[in-house]
């Protein structure tokens, strides 16, 4: 990605506790974070593909989509928090060198 940039790609994903969905679950993540003089700027594309199990076929697609979007937003916020925390730790370590 070049100096001042951080690229994040999902390489693997696993759902614990939901074996029948884990078989067909695919998560894609592509993210780029860039350091600007006064802030960090980033963009992320996060997607999920899953085969709809029989028990979920009764739930309207619109409801499943909105639930999925809320879940993806939560996952993205978690990733953002962990990346920011690690950047702060790395910066503190760099300052101490």
PDB file of N, CA and C in Angstrom:
ATOM      1  N   UNK A   1       0.796  -1.216   0.000  1.00  0.00           N
ATOM      2  CA  UNK A   1       0.000   0.000   0.000  1.00  0.00           C
ATOM      3  C   UNK A   1       0.836   1.277   0.000  1.00  0.00           C
ATOM      4  N   UNK A   2       2.077   1.240   0.456  1.00  0.00           N
ATOM      5  CA  UNK A   2       2.926   2.422   0.449  1.00  0.00           C
ATOM      6  C   UNK A   2       3.086   3.026   1.830  1.00  0.00           C
ATOM      7  N   UNK A   3       4.003   3.982   1.951  1.00  0.00           N
ATOM      8  CA  UNK A   3       4.259   4.622   3.243  1.00  0.00           C
ATOM      9  C   UNK A   3       3.019   5.345   3.763  1.00  0.00           C
ATOM     10  N   UNK A   4       2.784   5.249   5.050  1.00  0.00           N
ATOM     11  CA  UNK A   4       1.652   5.932   5.663  1.00  0.00           C
ATOM     12  C   UNK A   4       0.315   5.273   5.426  1.00  0.00           C
ATOM     13  N   UNK A   5       0.333   4.050   4.912  1.00  0.00           N
ATOM     14  CA  UNK A   5      -0.921   3.341   4.627  1.00  0.00           C
ATOM     15  C   UNK A   5      -0.907   1.958   5.257  1.00  0.00           C
ATOM     16  N   UNK A   6      -2.081   1.527   5.656  1.00  0.00           N
ATOM     17  CA  UNK A   6      -2.260   0.197   6.229  1.00  0.00           C
ATOM     18  C   UNK A   6      -3.386  -0.496   5.469  1.00  0.00           C
ATOM     19  N   UNK A   7      -3.102  -1.659   4.910  1.00  0.00           N
ATOM     20  CA  UNK A   7      -4.121  -2.439   4.192  1.00  0.00           C
ATOM     21  C   UNK A   7      -4.488  -3.650   5.043  1.00  0.00           C
ATOM     22  N   UNK A   8      -5.778  -3.946   5.110  1.00  0.00           N
ATOM     23  CA  UNK A   8      -6.272  -5.107   5.848  1.00  0.00           C
ATOM     24  C   UNK A   8      -7.158  -5.914   4.912  1.00  0.00           C
ATOM     25  N   UNK A   9      -6.887  -7.202   4.830  1.00  0.00           N
ATOM     26  CA  UNK A   9      -7.690  -8.124   4.023  1.00  0.00           C
ATOM     27  C   UNK A   9      -8.070  -9.314   4.897  1.00  0.00           C
ATOM     28  N   UNK A  10      -9.294  -9.782   4.793  1.00  0.00           N
ATOM     29  CA  UNK A  10      -9.700 -11.005   5.488  1.00  0.00           C
ATOM     30  C   UNK A  10      -9.144 -12.194   4.714  1.00  0.00           C
ATOM     31  N   UNK A  11      -8.495 -13.097   5.418  1.00  0.00           N
ATOM     32  CA  UNK A  11      -7.939 -14.281   4.759  1.00  0.00           C
ATOM     33  C   UNK A  11      -8.658 -15.561   5.185  1.00  0.00           C
ATOM     34  N   UNK A  12      -9.375 -15.515   6.292  1.00  0.00           N
ATOM     35  CA  UNK A  12     -10.091 -16.696   6.770  1.00  0.00           C
ATOM     36  C   UNK A  12     -11.167 -16.236   7.739  1.00  0.00           C
ATOM     37  N   UNK A  13     -12.184 -17.046   7.899  1.00  0.00           N
ATOM     38  CA  UNK A  13     -13.271 -16.722   8.808  1.00  0.00           C
ATOM     39  C   UNK A  13     -13.890 -18.012   9.319  1.00  0.00           C
ATOM     40  N   UNK A  14     -14.311 -17.991  10.570  1.00  0.00           N
ATOM     41  CA  UNK A  14     -14.945 -19.168  11.165  1.00  0.00           C
ATOM     42  C   UNK A  14     -16.049 -18.698  12.100  1.00  0.00           C
ATOM     43  N   UNK A  15     -17.189 -19.345  12.048  1.00  0.00           N
ATOM     44  CA  UNK A  15     -18.273 -19.084  12.987  1.00  0.00           C
ATOM     45  C   UNK A  15     -18.261 -20.184  14.032  1.00  0.00           C
ATOM     46  N   UNK A  16     -18.049 -19.823  15.261  1.00  0.00           N
ATOM     47  CA  UNK A  16     -18.055 -20.816  16.334  1.00  0.00           C
ATOM     48  C   UNK A  16     -19.475 -21.042  16.831  1.00  0.00           C
ATOM     49  N   UNK A  17     -19.828 -22.291  17.011  1.00  0.00           N
ATOM     50  CA  UNK A  17     -21.112 -22.642  17.604  1.00  0.00           C
ATOM     51  C   UNK A  17     -22.264 -22.788  16.632  1.00  0.00           C
ATOM     52  N   UNK A  18     -22.057 -22.521  15.364  1.00  0.00           N
ATOM     53  CA  UNK A  18     -23.131 -22.643  14.380  1.00  0.00           C
ATOM     54  C   UNK A  18     -22.588 -23.454  13.207  1.00  0.00           C
ATOM     55  N   UNK A  19     -22.374 -24.736  13.421  1.00  0.00           N
ATOM     56  CA  UNK A  19     -21.689 -25.579  12.443  1.00  0.00           C
ATOM     57  C   UNK A  19     -22.362 -25.615  11.076  1.00  0.00           C
ATOM     58  N   UNK A  20     -23.691 -25.734  11.042  1.00  0.00           N
ATOM     59  CA  UNK A  20     -24.356 -25.870   9.743  1.00  0.00           C
ATOM     60  C   UNK A  20     -24.279 -24.591   8.910  1.00  0.00           C
ATOM     61  N   UNK A  21     -24.160 -23.437   9.539  1.00  0.00           N
ATOM     62  CA  UNK A  21     -24.014 -22.184   8.795  1.00  0.00           C
ATOM     63  C   UNK A  21     -22.546 -21.941   8.456  1.00  0.00           C
ATOM     64  N   UNK A  22     -21.640 -22.348   9.345  1.00  0.00           N
ATOM     65  CA  UNK A  22     -20.205 -22.128   9.136  1.00  0.00           C
ATOM     66  C   UNK A  22     -19.721 -22.749   7.830  1.00  0.00           C
ATOM     67  N   UNK A  23     -20.332 -23.840   7.404  1.00  0.00           N
ATOM     68  CA  UNK A  23     -19.921 -24.528   6.176  1.00  0.00           C
ATOM     69  C   UNK A  23     -20.061 -23.634   4.944  1.00  0.00           C
ATOM     70  N   UNK A  24     -21.106 -22.797   4.911  1.00  0.00           N
ATOM     71  CA  UNK A  24     -21.361 -21.985   3.716  1.00  0.00           C
ATOM     72  C   UNK A  24     -21.109 -20.495   3.944  1.00  0.00           C
ATOM     73  N   UNK A  25     -20.597 -20.127   5.104  1.00  0.00           N
ATOM     74  CA  UNK A  25     -20.381 -18.725   5.457  1.00  0.00           C
ATOM     75  C   UNK A  25     -19.092 -18.206   4.825  1.00  0.00           C
ATOM     76  N   UNK A  26     -19.187 -17.089   4.110  1.00  0.00           N
ATOM     77  CA  UNK A  26     -18.013 -16.463   3.496  1.00  0.00           C
ATOM     78  C   UNK A  26     -18.016 -14.986   3.880  1.00  0.00           C
ATOM     79  N   UNK A  27     -16.912 -14.534   4.454  1.00  0.00           N
ATOM     80  CA  UNK A  27     -16.752 -13.134   4.816  1.00  0.00           C
ATOM     81  C   UNK A  27     -15.657 -12.531   3.944  1.00  0.00           C
ATOM     82  N   UNK A  28     -15.923 -11.352   3.401  1.00  0.00           N
ATOM     83  CA  UNK A  28     -14.899 -10.639   2.638  1.00  0.00           C
ATOM     84  C   UNK A  28     -14.658  -9.290   3.306  1.00  0.00           C
ATOM     85  N   UNK A  29     -13.403  -8.916   3.413  1.00  0.00           N
ATOM     86  CA  UNK A  29     -13.034  -7.628   3.996  1.00  0.00           C
ATOM     87  C   UNK A  29     -11.827  -7.087   3.254  1.00  0.00           C
ATOM     88  N   UNK A  30     -11.957  -5.870   2.801  1.00  0.00           N
ATOM     89  CA  UNK A  30     -10.851  -5.156   2.176  1.00  0.00           C
ATOM     90  C   UNK A  30     -10.871  -3.748   2.749  1.00  0.00           C
ATOM     91  N   UNK A  31      -9.767  -3.340   3.355  1.00  0.00           N
ATOM     92  CA  UNK A  31      -9.735  -2.059   4.038  1.00  0.00           C
ATOM     93  C   UNK A  31      -8.405  -1.361   3.804  1.00  0.00           C
ATOM     94  N   UNK A  32      -8.454  -0.049   3.733  1.00  0.00           N
ATOM     95  CA  UNK A  32      -7.250   0.753   3.573  1.00  0.00           C
ATOM     96  C   UNK A  32      -7.335   1.929   4.538  1.00  0.00           C
ATOM     97  N   UNK A  33      -6.299   2.109   5.341  1.00  0.00           N
ATOM     98  CA  UNK A  33      -6.209   3.209   6.296  1.00  0.00           C
ATOM     99  C   UNK A  33      -4.995   4.050   5.915  1.00  0.00           C
ATOM    100  N   UNK A  34      -5.188   5.356   5.819  1.00  0.00           N
ATOM    101  CA  UNK A  34      -4.108   6.251   5.394  1.00  0.00           C
ATOM    102  C   UNK A  34      -3.883   7.340   6.440  1.00  0.00           C
ATOM    103  N   UNK A  35      -2.617   7.578   6.778  1.00  0.00           N
ATOM    104  CA  UNK A  35      -2.254   8.636   7.722  1.00  0.00           C
ATOM    105  C   UNK A  35      -2.176   9.966   6.979  1.00  0.00           C
ATOM    106  N   UNK A  36      -2.954  10.925   7.451  1.00  0.00           N
ATOM    107  CA  UNK A  36      -2.881  12.295   6.946  1.00  0.00           C
ATOM    108  C   UNK A  36      -2.207  13.136   8.037  1.00  0.00           C
ATOM    109  N   UNK A  37      -1.760  14.338   7.719  1.00  0.00           N
ATOM    110  CA  UNK A  37      -1.068  15.145   8.732  1.00  0.00           C
ATOM    111  C   UNK A  37      -1.879  15.373  10.011  1.00  0.00           C
ATOM    112  N   UNK A  38      -3.206  15.459   9.895  1.00  0.00           N
ATOM    113  CA  UNK A  38      -4.024  15.778  11.062  1.00  0.00           C
ATOM    114  C   UNK A  38      -5.027  14.698  11.455  1.00  0.00           C
ATOM    115  N   UNK A  39      -5.057  13.586  10.725  1.00  0.00           N
ATOM    116  CA  UNK A  39      -6.038  12.535  11.053  1.00  0.00           C
ATOM    117  C   UNK A  39      -5.739  11.269  10.254  1.00  0.00           C
ATOM    118  N   UNK A  40      -6.474  10.219  10.600  1.00  0.00           N
ATOM    119  CA  UNK A  40      -6.444   8.979   9.826  1.00  0.00           C
ATOM    120  C   UNK A  40      -7.705   8.921   8.981  1.00  0.00           C
ATOM    121  N   UNK A  41      -7.564   8.496   7.747  1.00  0.00           N
ATOM    122  CA  UNK A  41      -8.700   8.363   6.841  1.00  0.00           C
ATOM    123  C   UNK A  41      -8.725   6.925   6.356  1.00  0.00           C
ATOM    124  N   UNK A  42      -9.906   6.330   6.377  1.00  0.00           N
ATOM    125  CA  UNK A  42      -9.978   4.942   5.957  1.00  0.00           C
ATOM    126  C   UNK A  42     -11.254   4.611   5.225  1.00  0.00           C
ATOM    127  N   UNK A  43     -11.199   3.483   4.565  1.00  0.00           N
ATOM    128  CA  UNK A  43     -12.357   2.957   3.853  1.00  0.00           C
ATOM    129  C   UNK A  43     -12.310   1.446   3.981  1.00  0.00           C
ATOM    130  N   UNK A  44     -13.477   0.851   4.179  1.00  0.00           N
ATOM    131  CA  UNK A  44     -13.548  -0.603   4.287  1.00  0.00           C
ATOM    132  C   UNK A  44     -14.751  -1.108   3.508  1.00  0.00           C
ATOM    133  N   UNK A  45     -14.562  -2.247   2.878  1.00  0.00           N
ATOM    134  CA  UNK A  45     -15.652  -2.943   2.203  1.00  0.00           C
ATOM    135  C   UNK A  45     -15.768  -4.292   2.888  1.00  0.00           C
ATOM    136  N   UNK A  46     -16.930  -4.527   3.483  1.00  0.00           N
ATOM    137  CA  UNK A  46     -17.171  -5.741   4.252  1.00  0.00           C
ATOM    138  C   UNK A  46     -18.409  -6.418   3.695  1.00  0.00           C
ATOM    139  N   UNK A  47     -18.317  -7.702   3.433  1.00  0.00           N
ATOM    140  CA  UNK A  47     -19.453  -8.433   2.887  1.00  0.00           C
ATOM    141  C   UNK A  47     -19.551  -9.830   3.458  1.00  0.00           C
ATOM    142  N   UNK A  48     -20.753 -10.357   3.418  1.00  0.00           N
ATOM    143  CA  UNK A  48     -21.011 -11.713   3.903  1.00  0.00           C
ATOM    144  C   UNK A  48     -21.892 -12.431   2.897  1.00  0.00           C
ATOM    145  N   UNK A  49     -21.573 -13.681   2.675  1.00  0.00           N
ATOM    146  CA  UNK A  49     -22.403 -14.551   1.853  1.00  0.00           C
ATOM    147  C   UNK A  49     -22.647 -15.817   2.659  1.00  0.00           C
ATOM    148  N   UNK A  50     -23.886 -16.256   2.685  1.00  0.00           N
ATOM    149  CA  UNK A  50     -24.212 -17.468   3.435  1.00  0.00           C
ATOM    150  C   UNK A  50     -25.420 -18.141   2.787  1.00  0.00           C
ATOM    151  N   UNK A  51     -25.387 -19.449   2.755  1.00  0.00           N
ATOM    152  CA  UNK A  51     -26.544 -20.193   2.269  1.00  0.00           C
ATOM    153  C   UNK A  51     -27.596 -20.162   3.367  1.00  0.00           C
ATOM    154  N   UNK A  52     -28.802 -19.848   2.993  1.00  0.00           N
ATOM    155  CA  UNK A  52     -29.889 -19.708   3.959  1.00  0.00           C
ATOM    156  C   UNK A  52     -30.379 -21.081   4.417  1.00  0.00           C
ATOM    157  N   UNK A  53     -30.148 -21.424   5.691  1.00  0.00           N
ATOM    158  CA  UNK A  53     -30.618 -22.724   6.184  1.00  0.00           C
ATOM    159  C   UNK A  53     -32.146 -22.768   6.260  1.00  0.00           C
ATOM    160  N   UNK A  54     -32.678 -23.969   6.283  1.00  0.00           N
ATOM    161  CA  UNK A  54     -34.131 -24.166   6.271  1.00  0.00           C
ATOM    162  C   UNK A  54     -34.830 -23.377   7.369  1.00  0.00           C
ATOM    163  N   UNK A  55     -34.234 -23.321   8.555  1.00  0.00           N
ATOM    164  CA  UNK A  55     -34.895 -22.640   9.673  1.00  0.00           C
ATOM    165  C   UNK A  55     -35.018 -21.127   9.443  1.00  0.00           C
ATOM    166  N   UNK A  56     -34.182 -20.559   8.571  1.00  0.00           N
ATOM    167  CA  UNK A  56     -34.246 -19.121   8.311  1.00  0.00           C
ATOM    168  C   UNK A  56     -35.056 -18.771   7.069  1.00  0.00           C
ATOM    169  N   UNK A  57     -35.531 -19.759   6.345  1.00  0.00           N
ATOM    170  CA  UNK A  57     -36.294 -19.485   5.119  1.00  0.00           C
ATOM    171  C   UNK A  57     -37.666 -18.896   5.411  1.00  0.00           C
ATOM    172  N   UNK A  58     -38.133 -19.051   6.645  1.00  0.00           N
ATOM    173  CA  UNK A  58     -39.431 -18.498   7.026  1.00  0.00           C
ATOM    174  C   UNK A  58     -39.347 -17.004   7.352  1.00  0.00           C
ATOM    175  N   UNK A  59     -38.153 -16.522   7.615  1.00  0.00           N
ATOM    176  CA  UNK A  59     -37.960 -15.110   7.950  1.00  0.00           C
ATOM    177  C   UNK A  59     -37.842 -14.315   6.647  1.00  0.00           C
ATOM    178  N   UNK A  60     -38.581 -13.204   6.533  1.00  0.00           N
ATOM    179  CA  UNK A  60     -38.525 -12.405   5.304  1.00  0.00           C
ATOM    180  C   UNK A  60     -37.097 -11.932   4.993  1.00  0.00           C
ATOM    181  N   UNK A  61     -36.769 -11.916   3.717  1.00  0.00           N
ATOM    182  CA  UNK A  61     -35.436 -11.518   3.265  1.00  0.00           C
ATOM    183  C   UNK A  61     -35.067 -10.127   3.769  1.00  0.00           C
ATOM    184  N   UNK A  62     -36.025  -9.214   3.762  1.00  0.00           N
ATOM    185  CA  UNK A  62     -35.770  -7.842   4.214  1.00  0.00           C
ATOM    186  C   UNK A  62     -35.301  -7.819   5.672  1.00  0.00           C
ATOM    187  N   UNK A  63     -35.918  -8.635   6.504  1.00  0.00           N
ATOM    188  CA  UNK A  63     -35.543  -8.710   7.922  1.00  0.00           C
ATOM    189  C   UNK A  63     -34.141  -9.289   8.062  1.00  0.00           C
ATOM    190  N   UNK A  64     -33.851 -10.350   7.315  1.00  0.00           N
ATOM    191  CA  UNK A  64     -32.514 -10.950   7.361  1.00  0.00           C
ATOM    192  C   UNK A  64     -31.450  -9.972   6.878  1.00  0.00           C
ATOM    193  N   UNK A  65     -31.743  -9.235   5.814  1.00  0.00           N
ATOM    194  CA  UNK A  65     -30.780  -8.261   5.294  1.00  0.00           C
ATOM    195  C   UNK A  65     -30.485  -7.161   6.309  1.00  0.00           C
ATOM    196  N   UNK A  66     -31.521  -6.620   6.937  1.00  0.00           N
ATOM    197  CA  UNK A  66     -31.290  -5.547   7.911  1.00  0.00           C
ATOM    198  C   UNK A  66     -30.542  -6.072   9.132  1.00  0.00           C
ATOM    199  N   UNK A  67     -30.830  -7.301   9.538  1.00  0.00           N
ATOM    200  CA  UNK A  67     -30.098  -7.915  10.650  1.00  0.00           C
ATOM    201  C   UNK A  67     -28.643  -8.132  10.260  1.00  0.00           C
ATOM    202  N   UNK A  68     -28.418  -8.601   9.042  1.00  0.00           N
ATOM    203  CA  UNK A  68     -27.058  -8.809   8.553  1.00  0.00           C
ATOM    204  C   UNK A  68     -26.271  -7.517   8.472  1.00  0.00           C
ATOM    205  N   UNK A  69     -26.917  -6.449   8.010  1.00  0.00           N
ATOM    206  CA  UNK A  69     -26.243  -5.152   7.922  1.00  0.00           C
ATOM    207  C   UNK A  69     -25.856  -4.638   9.305  1.00  0.00           C
ATOM    208  N   UNK A  70     -26.743  -4.831  10.282  1.00  0.00           N
ATOM    209  CA  UNK A  70     -26.431  -4.418  11.654  1.00  0.00           C
ATOM    210  C   UNK A  70     -25.259  -5.226  12.205  1.00  0.00           C
ATOM    211  N   UNK A  71     -25.238  -6.517  11.903  1.00  0.00           N
ATOM    212  CA  UNK A  71     -24.138  -7.375  12.347  1.00  0.00           C
ATOM    213  C   UNK A  71     -22.820  -6.949  11.701  1.00  0.00           C
ATOM    214  N   UNK A  72     -22.842  -6.660  10.410  1.00  0.00           N
ATOM    215  CA  UNK A  72     -21.630  -6.209   9.717  1.00  0.00           C
ATOM    216  C   UNK A  72     -21.120  -4.886  10.287  1.00  0.00           C
ATOM    217  N   UNK A  73     -22.030  -3.975  10.598  1.00  0.00           N
ATOM    218  CA  UNK A  73     -21.627  -2.694  11.185  1.00  0.00           C
ATOM    219  C   UNK A  73     -20.952  -2.922  12.536  1.00  0.00           C
ATOM    220  N   UNK A  74     -21.486  -3.845  13.309  1.00  0.00           N
ATOM    221  CA  UNK A  74     -20.895  -4.170  14.617  1.00  0.00           C
ATOM    222  C   UNK A  74     -19.504  -4.795  14.446  1.00  0.00           C
ATOM    223  N   UNK A  75     -19.367  -5.701  13.490  1.00  0.00           N
ATOM    224  CA  UNK A  75     -18.065  -6.322  13.213  1.00  0.00           C
ATOM    225  C   UNK A  75     -17.059  -5.249  12.799  1.00  0.00           C
ATOM    226  N   UNK A  76     -17.479  -4.344  11.931  1.00  0.00           N
ATOM    227  CA  UNK A  76     -16.583  -3.293  11.446  1.00  0.00           C
ATOM    228  C   UNK A  76     -16.151  -2.364  12.581  1.00  0.00           C
ATOM    229  N   UNK A  77     -17.077  -2.027  13.484  1.00  0.00           N
ATOM    230  CA  UNK A  77     -16.709  -1.193  14.640  1.00  0.00           C
ATOM    231  C   UNK A  77     -15.704  -1.916  15.532  1.00  0.00           C
ATOM    232  N   UNK A  78     -15.870  -3.225  15.702  1.00  0.00           N
ATOM    233  CA  UNK A  78     -14.916  -4.001  16.494  1.00  0.00           C
ATOM    234  C   UNK A  78     -13.537  -4.018  15.864  1.00  0.00           C
ATOM    235  N   UNK A  79     -13.492  -4.202  14.552  1.00  0.00           N
ATOM    236  CA  UNK A  79     -12.208  -4.182  13.836  1.00  0.00           C
ATOM    237  C   UNK A  79     -11.565  -2.806  13.973  1.00  0.00           C
ATOM    238  N   UNK A  80     -12.355  -1.762  13.809  1.00  0.00           N
ATOM    239  CA  UNK A  80     -11.840  -0.395  13.913  1.00  0.00           C
ATOM    240  C   UNK A  80     -11.245  -0.150  15.298  1.00  0.00           C
ATOM    241  N   UNK A  81     -11.938  -0.573  16.338  1.00  0.00           N
ATOM    242  CA  UNK A  81     -11.441  -0.374  17.704  1.00  0.00           C
ATOM    243  C   UNK A  81     -10.123  -1.108  17.921  1.00  0.00           C
ATOM    244  N   UNK A  82     -10.020  -2.347  17.431  1.00  0.00           N
ATOM    245  CA  UNK A  82      -8.781  -3.119  17.613  1.00  0.00           C
ATOM    246  C   UNK A  82      -7.621  -2.520  16.826  1.00  0.00           C
ATOM    247  N   UNK A  83      -7.883  -2.058  15.616  1.00  0.00           N
ATOM    248  CA  UNK A  83      -6.822  -1.441  14.809  1.00  0.00           C
ATOM    249  C   UNK A  83      -6.340  -0.154  15.482  1.00  0.00           C
ATOM    250  N   UNK A  84      -7.262   0.680  15.941  1.00  0.00           N
ATOM    251  CA  UNK A  84      -6.874   1.929  16.607  1.00  0.00           C
ATOM    252  C   UNK A  84      -6.077   1.649  17.877  1.00  0.00           C
ATOM    253  N   UNK A  85      -6.502   0.668  18.652  1.00  0.00           N
ATOM    254  CA  UNK A  85      -5.788   0.306  19.876  1.00  0.00           C
ATOM    255  C   UNK A  85      -4.366  -0.155  19.548  1.00  0.00           C
ATOM    256  N   UNK A  86      -4.223  -0.985  18.522  1.00  0.00           N
ATOM    257  CA  UNK A  86      -2.895  -1.474  18.153  1.00  0.00           C
ATOM    258  C   UNK A  86      -2.018  -0.349  17.607  1.00  0.00           C
ATOM    259  N   UNK A  87      -2.610   0.581  16.861  1.00  0.00           N
ATOM    260  CA  UNK A  87      -1.841   1.726  16.366  1.00  0.00           C
ATOM    261  C   UNK A  87      -1.296   2.564  17.523  1.00  0.00           C
ATOM    262  N   UNK A  88      -2.116   2.762  18.552  1.00  0.00           N
ATOM    263  CA  UNK A  88      -1.657   3.515  19.722  1.00  0.00           C
ATOM    264  C   UNK A  88      -0.518   2.792  20.432  1.00  0.00           C
ATOM    265  N   UNK A  89      -0.637   1.473  20.573  1.00  0.00           N
ATOM    266  CA  UNK A  89       0.430   0.688  21.197  1.00  0.00           C
ATOM    267  C   UNK A  89       1.711   0.748  20.370  1.00  0.00           C
ATOM    268  N   UNK A  90       1.579   0.618  19.058  1.00  0.00           N
ATOM    269  CA  UNK A  90       2.749   0.687  18.179  1.00  0.00           C
ATOM    270  C   UNK A  90       3.409   2.065  18.244  1.00  0.00           C
ATOM    271  N   UNK A  91       2.587   3.113  18.289  1.00  0.00           N
ATOM    272  CA  UNK A  91       3.127   4.470  18.361  1.00  0.00           C
ATOM    273  C   UNK A  91       3.862   4.684  19.681  1.00  0.00           C
ATOM    274  N   UNK A  92       3.271   4.217  20.782  1.00  0.00           N
ATOM    275  CA  UNK A  92       3.921   4.347  22.089  1.00  0.00           C
ATOM    276  C   UNK A  92       5.247   3.595  22.106  1.00  0.00           C
ATOM    277  N   UNK A  93       5.275   2.418  21.509  1.00  0.00           N
ATOM    278  CA  UNK A  93       6.508   1.632  21.432  1.00  0.00           C
ATOM    279  C   UNK A  93       7.553   2.359  20.590  1.00  0.00           C
ATOM    280  N   UNK A  94       7.131   2.928  19.477  1.00  0.00           N
ATOM    281  CA  UNK A  94       8.036   3.658  18.595  1.00  0.00           C
ATOM    282  C   UNK A  94       8.617   4.887  19.306  1.00  0.00           C
ATOM    283  N   UNK A  95       7.774   5.588  20.094  1.00  0.00           N
ATOM    284  CA  UNK A  95       8.237   6.773  20.829  1.00  0.00           C
ATOM    285  C   UNK A  95       9.268   6.398  21.892  1.00  0.00           C
ATOM    286  N   UNK A  96       9.153   5.191  22.443  1.00  0.00           N
ATOM    287  CA  UNK A  96      10.066   4.740  23.488  1.00  0.00           C
ATOM    288  C   UNK A  96      11.397   4.246  22.959  1.00  0.00           C
ATOM    289  N   UNK A  97      11.541   4.114  21.662  1.00  0.00           N
ATOM    290  CA  UNK A  97      12.794   3.588  21.081  1.00  0.00           C
ATOM    291  C   UNK A  97      13.858   4.648  20.984  1.00  0.00           C
TER     292      UNK A  97
END
